[in-house]
Amino acid sequence: MASLYHYTDSAGLAGILSSGKIHQTCGKSGRRGVFLTSLGPSIGKEEIARNNYNNGYLRHMDKVTCYLKVCLSLVEFVRDPGAGCRDIFLMEGRDLELARYSWGFGC
């Protein structure tokens, strides 16, 4: 098992909590899925934004104000091949349904 984080803003967190799932999106690599990182909130919002958004991180600081921490089996995700050396993982091709996992959140 691994603890991974999905970062969002307060409106995004409210939507996730309301729907009970993190909806998949399309990443820059063209892959669809739920994008996660192993970087926890204690590392700081600037480092998380730099990891998640690379060179455009300053424009996306508002998207790392809240997080969901999800405990996943190692077979359910892969390192995102389009992320280079950044700490980005991908649950490919489906939404992440919170009811199936142990999880928590914070802002």
PDB file of N, CA and C in Angstrom:
ATOM      1  N   MET A   1       0.841  -1.187   0.000  1.00  0.00           N
ATOM      2  CA  MET A   1       0.000   0.000   0.000  1.00  0.00           C
ATOM      3  C   MET A   1       0.880   1.242   0.000  1.00  0.00           C
ATOM      4  N   ALA A   2       0.369   2.284  -0.622  1.00  0.00           N
ATOM      5  CA  ALA A   2       1.083   3.561  -0.669  1.00  0.00           C
ATOM      6  C   ALA A   2       0.081   4.682  -0.416  1.00  0.00           C
ATOM      7  N   SER A   3       0.527   5.710   0.279  1.00  0.00           N
ATOM      8  CA  SER A   3      -0.286   6.903   0.480  1.00  0.00           C
ATOM      9  C   SER A   3       0.085   7.916  -0.585  1.00  0.00           C
ATOM     10  N   LEU A   4      -0.887   8.307  -1.384  1.00  0.00           N
ATOM     11  CA  LEU A   4      -0.672   9.298  -2.429  1.00  0.00           C
ATOM     12  C   LEU A   4      -1.652  10.442  -2.235  1.00  0.00           C
ATOM     13  N   TYR A   5      -1.286  11.610  -2.774  1.00  0.00           N
ATOM     14  CA  TYR A   5      -2.060  12.833  -2.581  1.00  0.00           C
ATOM     15  C   TYR A   5      -2.558  13.377  -3.911  1.00  0.00           C
ATOM     16  N   HIS A   6      -3.778  13.881  -3.871  1.00  0.00           N
ATOM     17  CA  HIS A   6      -4.350  14.605  -5.001  1.00  0.00           C
ATOM     18  C   HIS A   6      -4.634  16.020  -4.514  1.00  0.00           C
ATOM     19  N   TYR A   7      -4.027  17.008  -5.145  1.00  0.00           N
ATOM     20  CA  TYR A   7      -4.181  18.405  -4.737  1.00  0.00           C
ATOM     21  C   TYR A   7      -5.212  19.110  -5.596  1.00  0.00           C
ATOM     22  N   THR A   8      -5.914  20.055  -4.974  1.00  0.00           N
ATOM     23  CA  THR A   8      -6.970  20.801  -5.649  1.00  0.00           C
ATOM     24  C   THR A   8      -7.221  22.102  -4.888  1.00  0.00           C
ATOM     25  N   ASP A   9      -8.188  22.868  -5.337  1.00  0.00           N
ATOM     26  CA  ASP A   9      -8.598  24.067  -4.595  1.00  0.00           C
ATOM     27  C   ASP A   9      -9.819  23.721  -3.739  1.00  0.00           C
ATOM     28  N   SER A  10     -10.333  24.679  -2.972  1.00  0.00           N
ATOM     29  CA  SER A  10     -11.448  24.382  -2.064  1.00  0.00           C
ATOM     30  C   SER A  10     -12.719  23.996  -2.824  1.00  0.00           C
ATOM     31  N   ALA A  11     -12.980  24.625  -3.970  1.00  0.00           N
ATOM     32  CA  ALA A  11     -14.152  24.258  -4.771  1.00  0.00           C
ATOM     33  C   ALA A  11     -14.003  22.840  -5.326  1.00  0.00           C
ATOM     34  N   GLY A  12     -12.800  22.505  -5.774  1.00  0.00           N
ATOM     35  CA  GLY A  12     -12.544  21.152  -6.274  1.00  0.00           C
ATOM     36  C   GLY A  12     -12.722  20.112  -5.182  1.00  0.00           C
ATOM     37  N   LEU A  13     -12.229  20.416  -3.973  1.00  0.00           N
ATOM     38  CA  LEU A  13     -12.387  19.497  -2.856  1.00  0.00           C
ATOM     39  C   LEU A  13     -13.860  19.300  -2.528  1.00  0.00           C
ATOM     40  N   ALA A  14     -14.628  20.388  -2.515  1.00  0.00           N
ATOM     41  CA  ALA A  14     -16.060  20.277  -2.234  1.00  0.00           C
ATOM     42  C   ALA A  14     -16.754  19.389  -3.268  1.00  0.00           C
ATOM     43  N   GLY A  15     -16.384  19.532  -4.538  1.00  0.00           N
ATOM     44  CA  GLY A  15     -16.964  18.698  -5.593  1.00  0.00           C
ATOM     45  C   GLY A  15     -16.605  17.234  -5.435  1.00  0.00           C
ATOM     46  N   ILE A  16     -15.356  16.978  -5.058  1.00  0.00           N
ATOM     47  CA  ILE A  16     -14.912  15.596  -4.851  1.00  0.00           C
ATOM     48  C   ILE A  16     -15.662  14.969  -3.681  1.00  0.00           C
ATOM     49  N   LEU A  17     -15.770  15.707  -2.579  1.00  0.00           N
ATOM     50  CA  LEU A  17     -16.474  15.177  -1.408  1.00  0.00           C
ATOM     51  C   LEU A  17     -17.950  14.957  -1.708  1.00  0.00           C
ATOM     52  N   SER A  18     -18.544  15.837  -2.499  1.00  0.00           N
ATOM     53  CA  SER A  18     -19.953  15.708  -2.860  1.00  0.00           C
ATOM     54  C   SER A  18     -20.207  14.499  -3.766  1.00  0.00           C
ATOM     55  N   SER A  19     -19.334  14.290  -4.744  1.00  0.00           N
ATOM     56  CA  SER A  19     -19.523  13.190  -5.697  1.00  0.00           C
ATOM     57  C   SER A  19     -18.974  11.860  -5.191  1.00  0.00           C
ATOM     58  N   GLY A  20     -18.057  11.922  -4.225  1.00  0.00           N
ATOM     59  CA  GLY A  20     -17.444  10.695  -3.716  1.00  0.00           C
ATOM     60  C   GLY A  20     -16.371  10.137  -4.628  1.00  0.00           C
ATOM     61  N   LYS A  21     -15.909  10.951  -5.576  1.00  0.00           N
ATOM     62  CA  LYS A  21     -14.869  10.456  -6.475  1.00  0.00           C
ATOM     63  C   LYS A  21     -14.000  11.585  -6.997  1.00  0.00           C
ATOM     64  N   ILE A  22     -12.784  11.223  -7.351  1.00  0.00           N
ATOM     65  CA  ILE A  22     -11.889  12.131  -8.065  1.00  0.00           C
ATOM     66  C   ILE A  22     -12.034  11.760  -9.532  1.00  0.00           C
ATOM     67  N   HIS A  23     -12.545  12.683 -10.316  1.00  0.00           N
ATOM     68  CA  HIS A  23     -12.776  12.404 -11.733  1.00  0.00           C
ATOM     69  C   HIS A  23     -11.464  12.441 -12.513  1.00  0.00           C
ATOM     70  N   GLN A  24     -11.338  11.536 -13.464  1.00  0.00           N
ATOM     71  CA  GLN A  24     -10.152  11.504 -14.315  1.00  0.00           C
ATOM     72  C   GLN A  24     -10.094  12.736 -15.215  1.00  0.00           C
ATOM     73  N   THR A  25      -8.887  13.126 -15.544  1.00  0.00           N
ATOM     74  CA  THR A  25      -8.654  14.236 -16.471  1.00  0.00           C
ATOM     75  C   THR A  25      -7.633  13.782 -17.502  1.00  0.00           C
ATOM     76  N   CYS A  26      -7.414  14.609 -18.490  1.00  0.00           N
ATOM     77  CA  CYS A  26      -6.412  14.324 -19.507  1.00  0.00           C
ATOM     78  C   CYS A  26      -5.165  15.137 -19.190  1.00  0.00           C
ATOM     79  N   GLY A  27      -4.030  14.452 -19.035  1.00  0.00           N
ATOM     80  CA  GLY A  27      -2.773  15.126 -18.738  1.00  0.00           C
ATOM     81  C   GLY A  27      -2.077  15.618 -19.986  1.00  0.00           C
ATOM     82  N   LYS A  28      -0.977  16.331 -19.786  1.00  0.00           N
ATOM     83  CA  LYS A  28      -0.213  16.867 -20.920  1.00  0.00           C
ATOM     84  C   LYS A  28       0.322  15.764 -21.823  1.00  0.00           C
ATOM     85  N   SER A  29       0.527  14.572 -21.258  1.00  0.00           N
ATOM     86  CA  SER A  29       1.029  13.452 -22.053  1.00  0.00           C
ATOM     87  C   SER A  29      -0.064  12.830 -22.917  1.00  0.00           C
ATOM     88  N   GLY A  30      -1.327  13.276 -22.733  1.00  0.00           N
ATOM     89  CA  GLY A  30      -2.439  12.707 -23.473  1.00  0.00           C
ATOM     90  C   GLY A  30      -3.088  11.529 -22.775  1.00  0.00           C
ATOM     91  N   ARG A  31      -2.531  11.116 -21.657  1.00  0.00           N
ATOM     92  CA  ARG A  31      -3.109  10.005 -20.903  1.00  0.00           C
ATOM     93  C   ARG A  31      -4.243  10.514 -20.027  1.00  0.00           C
ATOM     94  N   ARG A  32      -5.288   9.691 -19.909  1.00  0.00           N
ATOM     95  CA  ARG A  32      -6.428  10.027 -19.049  1.00  0.00           C
ATOM     96  C   ARG A  32      -6.336   9.229 -17.761  1.00  0.00           C
ATOM     97  N   GLY A  33      -6.711   9.875 -16.683  1.00  0.00           N
ATOM     98  CA  GLY A  33      -6.734   9.194 -15.395  1.00  0.00           C
ATOM     99  C   GLY A  33      -6.728  10.200 -14.264  1.00  0.00           C
ATOM    100  N   VAL A  34      -6.478   9.702 -13.072  1.00  0.00           N
ATOM    101  CA  VAL A  34      -6.364  10.536 -11.878  1.00  0.00           C
ATOM    102  C   VAL A  34      -4.884  10.674 -11.564  1.00  0.00           C
ATOM    103  N   PHE A  35      -4.441  11.917 -11.430  1.00  0.00           N
ATOM    104  CA  PHE A  35      -3.031  12.209 -11.188  1.00  0.00           C
ATOM    105  C   PHE A  35      -2.802  12.450  -9.700  1.00  0.00           C
ATOM    106  N   LEU A  36      -1.748  11.832  -9.184  1.00  0.00           N
ATOM    107  CA  LEU A  36      -1.432  11.860  -7.761  1.00  0.00           C
ATOM    108  C   LEU A  36       0.060  12.082  -7.571  1.00  0.00           C
ATOM    109  N   THR A  37       0.459  12.398  -6.343  1.00  0.00           N
ATOM    110  CA  THR A  37       1.869  12.522  -6.003  1.00  0.00           C
ATOM    111  C   THR A  37       2.103  11.920  -4.627  1.00  0.00           C
ATOM    112  N   SER A  38       3.333  11.519  -4.342  1.00  0.00           N
ATOM    113  CA  SER A  38       3.661  11.027  -3.001  1.00  0.00           C
ATOM    114  C   SER A  38       4.082  12.175  -2.082  1.00  0.00           C
ATOM    115  N   LEU A  39       4.150  13.396  -2.613  1.00  0.00           N
ATOM    116  CA  LEU A  39       4.566  14.553  -1.816  1.00  0.00           C
ATOM    117  C   LEU A  39       3.426  15.008  -0.913  1.00  0.00           C
ATOM    118  N   GLY A  40       3.640  14.919   0.385  1.00  0.00           N
ATOM    119  CA  GLY A  40       2.636  15.325   1.361  1.00  0.00           C
ATOM    120  C   GLY A  40       2.636  16.819   1.601  1.00  0.00           C
ATOM    121  N   PRO A  41       1.603  17.328   2.266  1.00  0.00           N
ATOM    122  CA  PRO A  41       1.465  18.767   2.474  1.00  0.00           C
ATOM    123  C   PRO A  41       2.596  19.407   3.288  1.00  0.00           C
ATOM    124  N   SER A  42       3.286  18.643   4.085  1.00  0.00           N
ATOM    125  CA  SER A  42       4.358  19.216   4.913  1.00  0.00           C
ATOM    126  C   SER A  42       5.528  19.730   4.075  1.00  0.00           C
ATOM    127  N   ILE A  43       5.641  19.310   2.835  1.00  0.00           N
ATOM    128  CA  ILE A  43       6.743  19.759   1.972  1.00  0.00           C
ATOM    129  C   ILE A  43       6.555  21.216   1.539  1.00  0.00           C
ATOM    130  N   GLY A  44       5.333  21.719   1.614  1.00  0.00           N
ATOM    131  CA  GLY A  44       5.054  23.115   1.277  1.00  0.00           C
ATOM    132  C   GLY A  44       4.373  23.268  -0.065  1.00  0.00           C
ATOM    133  N   LYS A  45       3.489  24.249  -0.143  1.00  0.00           N
ATOM    134  CA  LYS A  45       2.673  24.448  -1.341  1.00  0.00           C
ATOM    135  C   LYS A  45       3.489  24.818  -2.569  1.00  0.00           C
ATOM    136  N   GLU A  46       4.542  25.597  -2.400  1.00  0.00           N
ATOM    137  CA  GLU A  46       5.345  25.982  -3.562  1.00  0.00           C
ATOM    138  C   GLU A  46       6.027  24.773  -4.190  1.00  0.00           C
ATOM    139  N   GLU A  47       6.597  23.898  -3.358  1.00  0.00           N
ATOM    140  CA  GLU A  47       7.252  22.693  -3.903  1.00  0.00           C
ATOM    141  C   GLU A  47       6.247  21.757  -4.557  1.00  0.00           C
ATOM    142  N   ILE A  48       5.076  21.637  -3.959  1.00  0.00           N
ATOM    143  CA  ILE A  48       4.038  20.784  -4.545  1.00  0.00           C
ATOM    144  C   ILE A  48       3.592  21.351  -5.890  1.00  0.00           C
ATOM    145  N   ALA A  49       3.361  22.661  -5.948  1.00  0.00           N
ATOM    146  CA  ALA A  49       2.962  23.289  -7.214  1.00  0.00           C
ATOM    147  C   ALA A  49       4.063  23.143  -8.256  1.00  0.00           C
ATOM    148  N   ARG A  50       5.316  23.307  -7.854  1.00  0.00           N
ATOM    149  CA  ARG A  50       6.445  23.154  -8.784  1.00  0.00           C
ATOM    150  C   ARG A  50       6.471  21.724  -9.334  1.00  0.00           C
ATOM    151  N   ASN A  51       6.229  20.742  -8.474  1.00  0.00           N
ATOM    152  CA  ASN A  51       6.208  19.345  -8.905  1.00  0.00           C
ATOM    153  C   ASN A  51       5.024  19.078  -9.832  1.00  0.00           C
ATOM    154  N   ASN A  52       3.845  19.539  -9.437  1.00  0.00           N
ATOM    155  CA  ASN A  52       2.638  19.206 -10.185  1.00  0.00           C
ATOM    156  C   ASN A  52       2.487  19.970 -11.491  1.00  0.00           C
ATOM    157  N   TYR A  53       3.005  21.204 -11.533  1.00  0.00           N
ATOM    158  CA  TYR A  53       2.777  22.053 -12.701  1.00  0.00           C
ATOM    159  C   TYR A  53       4.047  22.498 -13.405  1.00  0.00           C
ATOM    160  N   ASN A  54       5.206  22.059 -12.924  1.00  0.00           N
ATOM    161  CA  ASN A  54       6.490  22.334 -13.567  1.00  0.00           C
ATOM    162  C   ASN A  54       6.710  23.832 -13.746  1.00  0.00           C
ATOM    163  N   ASN A  55       7.033  24.290 -14.926  1.00  0.00           N
ATOM    164  CA  ASN A  55       7.392  25.692 -15.158  1.00  0.00           C
ATOM    165  C   ASN A  55       6.248  26.670 -14.933  1.00  0.00           C
ATOM    166  N   GLY A  56       5.025  26.226 -15.021  1.00  0.00           N
ATOM    167  CA  GLY A  56       3.880  27.113 -14.830  1.00  0.00           C
ATOM    168  C   GLY A  56       3.348  27.117 -13.408  1.00  0.00           C
ATOM    169  N   TYR A  57       4.174  26.693 -12.471  1.00  0.00           N
ATOM    170  CA  TYR A  57       3.672  26.480 -11.116  1.00  0.00           C
ATOM    171  C   TYR A  57       3.138  27.741 -10.445  1.00  0.00           C
ATOM    172  N   LEU A  58       3.691  28.906 -10.715  1.00  0.00           N
ATOM    173  CA  LEU A  58       3.216  30.125 -10.050  1.00  0.00           C
ATOM    174  C   LEU A  58       1.771  30.453 -10.421  1.00  0.00           C
ATOM    175  N   ARG A  59       1.356  30.102 -11.626  1.00  0.00           N
ATOM    176  CA  ARG A  59      -0.031  30.336 -12.062  1.00  0.00           C
ATOM    177  C   ARG A  59      -1.018  29.369 -11.414  1.00  0.00           C
ATOM    178  N   HIS A  60      -0.509  28.318 -10.795  1.00  0.00           N
ATOM    179  CA  HIS A  60      -1.378  27.266 -10.266  1.00  0.00           C
ATOM    180  C   HIS A  60      -1.283  27.103  -8.751  1.00  0.00           C
ATOM    181  N   MET A  61      -0.748  28.088  -8.055  1.00  0.00           N
ATOM    182  CA  MET A  61      -0.614  27.976  -6.606  1.00  0.00           C
ATOM    183  C   MET A  61      -1.972  27.765  -5.922  1.00  0.00           C
ATOM    184  N   ASP A  62      -3.037  28.320  -6.487  1.00  0.00           N
ATOM    185  CA  ASP A  62      -4.371  28.149  -5.904  1.00  0.00           C
ATOM    186  C   ASP A  62      -4.866  26.708  -6.011  1.00  0.00           C
ATOM    187  N   LYS A  63      -4.266  25.906  -6.882  1.00  0.00           N
ATOM    188  CA  LYS A  63      -4.719  24.526  -7.083  1.00  0.00           C
ATOM    189  C   LYS A  63      -4.039  23.529  -6.148  1.00  0.00           C
ATOM    190  N   VAL A  64      -3.251  24.037  -5.197  1.00  0.00           N
ATOM    191  CA  VAL A  64      -2.624  23.143  -4.220  1.00  0.00           C
ATOM    192  C   VAL A  64      -2.986  23.558  -2.792  1.00  0.00           C
ATOM    193  N   THR A  65      -4.122  24.223  -2.636  1.00  0.00           N
ATOM    194  CA  THR A  65      -4.525  24.682  -1.304  1.00  0.00           C
ATOM    195  C   THR A  65      -5.185  23.577  -0.480  1.00  0.00           C
ATOM    196  N   CYS A  66      -5.749  22.572  -1.118  1.00  0.00           N
ATOM    197  CA  CYS A  66      -6.402  21.454  -0.426  1.00  0.00           C
ATOM    198  C   CYS A  66      -5.901  20.142  -1.022  1.00  0.00           C
ATOM    199  N   TYR A  67      -6.102  19.070  -0.273  1.00  0.00           N
ATOM    200  CA  TYR A  67      -5.622  17.768  -0.744  1.00  0.00           C
ATOM    201  C   TYR A  67      -6.512  16.645  -0.239  1.00  0.00           C
ATOM    202  N   LEU A  68      -6.432  15.529  -0.948  1.00  0.00           N
ATOM    203  CA  LEU A  68      -6.971  14.259  -0.488  1.00  0.00           C
ATOM    204  C   LEU A  68      -5.799  13.296  -0.397  1.00  0.00           C
ATOM    205  N   LYS A  69      -5.719  12.576   0.687  1.00  0.00           N
ATOM    206  CA  LYS A  69      -4.704  11.538   0.869  1.00  0.00           C
ATOM    207  C   LYS A  69      -5.420  10.200   0.727  1.00  0.00           C
ATOM    208  N   VAL A  70      -4.953   9.373  -0.191  1.00  0.00           N
ATOM    209  CA  VAL A  70      -5.609   8.100  -0.486  1.00  0.00           C
ATOM    210  C   VAL A  70      -4.591   6.975  -0.362  1.00  0.00           C
ATOM    211  N   CYS A  71      -4.968   5.901   0.331  1.00  0.00           N
ATOM    212  CA  CYS A  71      -4.111   4.718   0.442  1.00  0.00           C
ATOM    213  C   CYS A  71      -4.500   3.742  -0.658  1.00  0.00           C
ATOM    214  N   LEU A  72      -3.550   3.476  -1.547  1.00  0.00           N
ATOM    215  CA  LEU A  72      -3.799   2.647  -2.731  1.00  0.00           C
ATOM    216  C   LEU A  72      -2.869   1.442  -2.771  1.00  0.00           C
ATOM    217  N   SER A  73      -3.330   0.388  -3.394  1.00  0.00           N
ATOM    218  CA  SER A  73      -2.485  -0.761  -3.673  1.00  0.00           C
ATOM    219  C   SER A  73      -1.477  -0.375  -4.762  1.00  0.00           C
ATOM    220  N   LEU A  74      -0.279  -0.883  -4.667  1.00  0.00           N
ATOM    221  CA  LEU A  74       0.782  -0.553  -5.621  1.00  0.00           C
ATOM    222  C   LEU A  74       0.447  -0.937  -7.053  1.00  0.00           C
ATOM    223  N   VAL A  75      -0.472  -1.873  -7.247  1.00  0.00           N
ATOM    224  CA  VAL A  75      -0.810  -2.299  -8.611  1.00  0.00           C
ATOM    225  C   VAL A  75      -1.844  -1.384  -9.267  1.00  0.00           C
ATOM    226  N   GLU A  76      -2.379  -0.420  -8.535  1.00  0.00           N
ATOM    227  CA  GLU A  76      -3.441   0.429  -9.073  1.00  0.00           C
ATOM    228  C   GLU A  76      -2.949   1.699  -9.745  1.00  0.00           C
ATOM    229  N   PHE A  77      -1.671   1.978  -9.686  1.00  0.00           N
ATOM    230  CA  PHE A  77      -1.163   3.204 -10.281  1.00  0.00           C
ATOM    231  C   PHE A  77       0.231   2.967 -10.856  1.00  0.00           C
ATOM    232  N   VAL A  78       0.628   3.849 -11.757  1.00  0.00           N
ATOM    233  CA  VAL A  78       1.956   3.793 -12.374  1.00  0.00           C
ATOM    234  C   VAL A  78       2.567   5.192 -12.317  1.00  0.00           C
ATOM    235  N   ARG A  79       3.865   5.248 -12.418  1.00  0.00           N
ATOM    236  CA  ARG A  79       4.525   6.553 -12.542  1.00  0.00           C
ATOM    237  C   ARG A  79       4.136   7.124 -13.899  1.00  0.00           C
ATOM    238  N   ASP A  80       3.735   8.394 -13.923  1.00  0.00           N
ATOM    239  CA  ASP A  80       3.295   9.019 -15.172  1.00  0.00           C
ATOM    240  C   ASP A  80       4.486   9.152 -16.116  1.00  0.00           C
ATOM    241  N   PRO A  81       4.444   8.462 -17.259  1.00  0.00           N
ATOM    242  CA  PRO A  81       5.581   8.522 -18.186  1.00  0.00           C
ATOM    243  C   PRO A  81       5.818   9.905 -18.777  1.00  0.00           C
ATOM    244  N   GLY A  82       4.826  10.770 -18.751  1.00  0.00           N
ATOM    245  CA  GLY A  82       4.986  12.119 -19.284  1.00  0.00           C
ATOM    246  C   GLY A  82       5.520  13.121 -18.275  1.00  0.00           C
ATOM    247  N   ALA A  83       5.795  12.680 -17.055  1.00  0.00           N
ATOM    248  CA  ALA A  83       6.190  13.596 -15.984  1.00  0.00           C
ATOM    249  C   ALA A  83       7.695  13.807 -15.864  1.00  0.00           C
ATOM    250  N   GLY A  84       8.472  13.068 -16.622  1.00  0.00           N
ATOM    251  CA  GLY A  84       9.931  13.205 -16.491  1.00  0.00           C
ATOM    252  C   GLY A  84      10.379  12.798 -15.098  1.00  0.00           C
ATOM    253  N   CYS A  85      11.164  13.647 -14.440  1.00  0.00           N
ATOM    254  CA  CYS A  85      11.676  13.306 -13.106  1.00  0.00           C
ATOM    255  C   CYS A  85      10.762  13.808 -11.985  1.00  0.00           C
ATOM    256  N   ARG A  86       9.625  14.400 -12.335  1.00  0.00           N
ATOM    257  CA  ARG A  86       8.705  14.874 -11.306  1.00  0.00           C
ATOM    258  C   ARG A  86       7.982  13.699 -10.640  1.00  0.00           C
ATOM    259  N   ASP A  87       7.518  13.891  -9.427  1.00  0.00           N
ATOM    260  CA  ASP A  87       6.868  12.867  -8.623  1.00  0.00           C
ATOM    261  C   ASP A  87       5.368  12.867  -8.930  1.00  0.00           C
ATOM    262  N   ILE A  88       5.008  12.241 -10.049  1.00  0.00           N
ATOM    263  CA  ILE A  88       3.605  12.194 -10.486  1.00  0.00           C
ATOM    264  C   ILE A  88       3.252  10.742 -10.801  1.00  0.00           C
ATOM    265  N   PHE A  89       2.137  10.309 -10.237  1.00  0.00           N
ATOM    266  CA  PHE A  89       1.629   8.968 -10.480  1.00  0.00           C
ATOM    267  C   PHE A  89       0.264   9.068 -11.143  1.00  0.00           C
ATOM    268  N   LEU A  90      -0.131   7.997 -11.799  1.00  0.00           N
ATOM    269  CA  LEU A  90      -1.359   7.993 -12.580  1.00  0.00           C
ATOM    270  C   LEU A  90      -2.161   6.731 -12.301  1.00  0.00           C
ATOM    271  N   MET A  91      -3.428   6.925 -11.944  1.00  0.00           N
ATOM    272  CA  MET A  91      -4.390   5.827 -11.922  1.00  0.00           C
ATOM    273  C   MET A  91      -5.107   5.952 -13.258  1.00  0.00           C
ATOM    274  N   GLU A  92      -4.701   5.132 -14.195  1.00  0.00           N
ATOM    275  CA  GLU A  92      -5.073   5.350 -15.592  1.00  0.00           C
ATOM    276  C   GLU A  92      -6.457   4.836 -15.950  1.00  0.00           C
ATOM    277  N   GLY A  93      -7.179   5.667 -16.733  1.00  0.00           N
ATOM    278  CA  GLY A  93      -8.400   5.237 -17.398  1.00  0.00           C
ATOM    279  C   GLY A  93      -9.661   5.156 -16.575  1.00  0.00           C
ATOM    280  N   ARG A  94      -9.655   5.679 -15.337  1.00  0.00           N
ATOM    281  CA  ARG A  94     -10.889   5.617 -14.555  1.00  0.00           C
ATOM    282  C   ARG A  94     -10.877   6.664 -13.449  1.00  0.00           C
ATOM    283  N   ASP A  95     -12.063   6.933 -12.936  1.00  0.00           N
ATOM    284  CA  ASP A  95     -12.197   7.798 -11.780  1.00  0.00           C
ATOM    285  C   ASP A  95     -11.729   7.042 -10.530  1.00  0.00           C
ATOM    286  N   LEU A  96     -11.344   7.776  -9.517  1.00  0.00           N
ATOM    287  CA  LEU A  96     -10.969   7.176  -8.244  1.00  0.00           C
ATOM    288  C   LEU A  96     -12.170   7.321  -7.301  1.00  0.00           C
ATOM    289  N   GLU A  97     -12.815   6.200  -7.006  1.00  0.00           N
ATOM    290  CA  GLU A  97     -13.995   6.191  -6.149  1.00  0.00           C
ATOM    291  C   GLU A  97     -13.551   6.066  -4.695  1.00  0.00           C
ATOM    292  N   LEU A  98     -13.803   7.110  -3.912  1.00  0.00           N
ATOM    293  CA  LEU A  98     -13.305   7.175  -2.544  1.00  0.00           C
ATOM    294  C   LEU A  98     -13.814   6.044  -1.662  1.00  0.00           C
ATOM    295  N   ALA A  99     -15.001   5.546  -1.887  1.00  0.00           N
ATOM    296  CA  ALA A  99     -15.580   4.489  -1.044  1.00  0.00           C
ATOM    297  C   ALA A  99     -14.745   3.209  -1.061  1.00  0.00           C
ATOM    298  N   ARG A 100     -13.916   3.046  -2.060  1.00  0.00           N
ATOM    299  CA  ARG A 100     -13.094   1.827  -2.184  1.00  0.00           C
ATOM    300  C   ARG A 100     -11.795   1.898  -1.389  1.00  0.00           C
ATOM    301  N   TYR A 101     -11.486   3.054  -0.796  1.00  0.00           N
ATOM    302  CA  TYR A 101     -10.175   3.265  -0.200  1.00  0.00           C
ATOM    303  C   TYR A 101     -10.259   3.912   1.183  1.00  0.00           C
ATOM    304  N   SER A 102      -9.170   3.805   1.889  1.00  0.00           N
ATOM    305  CA  SER A 102      -8.981   4.584   3.107  1.00  0.00           C
ATOM    306  C   SER A 102      -8.458   5.951   2.664  1.00  0.00           C
ATOM    307  N   TRP A 103      -9.070   7.032   3.156  1.00  0.00           N
ATOM    308  CA  TRP A 103      -8.683   8.349   2.663  1.00  0.00           C
ATOM    309  C   TRP A 103      -8.976   9.412   3.721  1.00  0.00           C
ATOM    310  N   GLY A 104      -8.383  10.575   3.501  1.00  0.00           N
ATOM    311  CA  GLY A 104      -8.613  11.737   4.340  1.00  0.00           C
ATOM    312  C   GLY A 104      -8.376  12.982   3.512  1.00  0.00           C
ATOM    313  N   PHE A 105      -8.639  14.155   4.105  1.00  0.00           N
ATOM    314  CA  PHE A 105      -8.451  15.390   3.352  1.00  0.00           C
ATOM    315  C   PHE A 105      -8.078  16.528   4.294  1.00  0.00           C
ATOM    316  N   GLY A 106      -7.602  17.611   3.711  1.00  0.00           N
ATOM    317  CA  GLY A 106      -7.272  18.787   4.491  1.00  0.00           C
ATOM    318  C   GLY A 106      -7.073  19.994   3.574  1.00  0.00           C
ATOM    319  N   CYS A 107      -7.014  21.173   4.215  1.00  0.00           N
ATOM    320  CA  CYS A 107      -6.748  22.420   3.495  1.00  0.00           C
ATOM    321  C   CYS A 107      -5.731  23.243   4.292  1.00  0.00           C
TER     322      CYS A 107
END
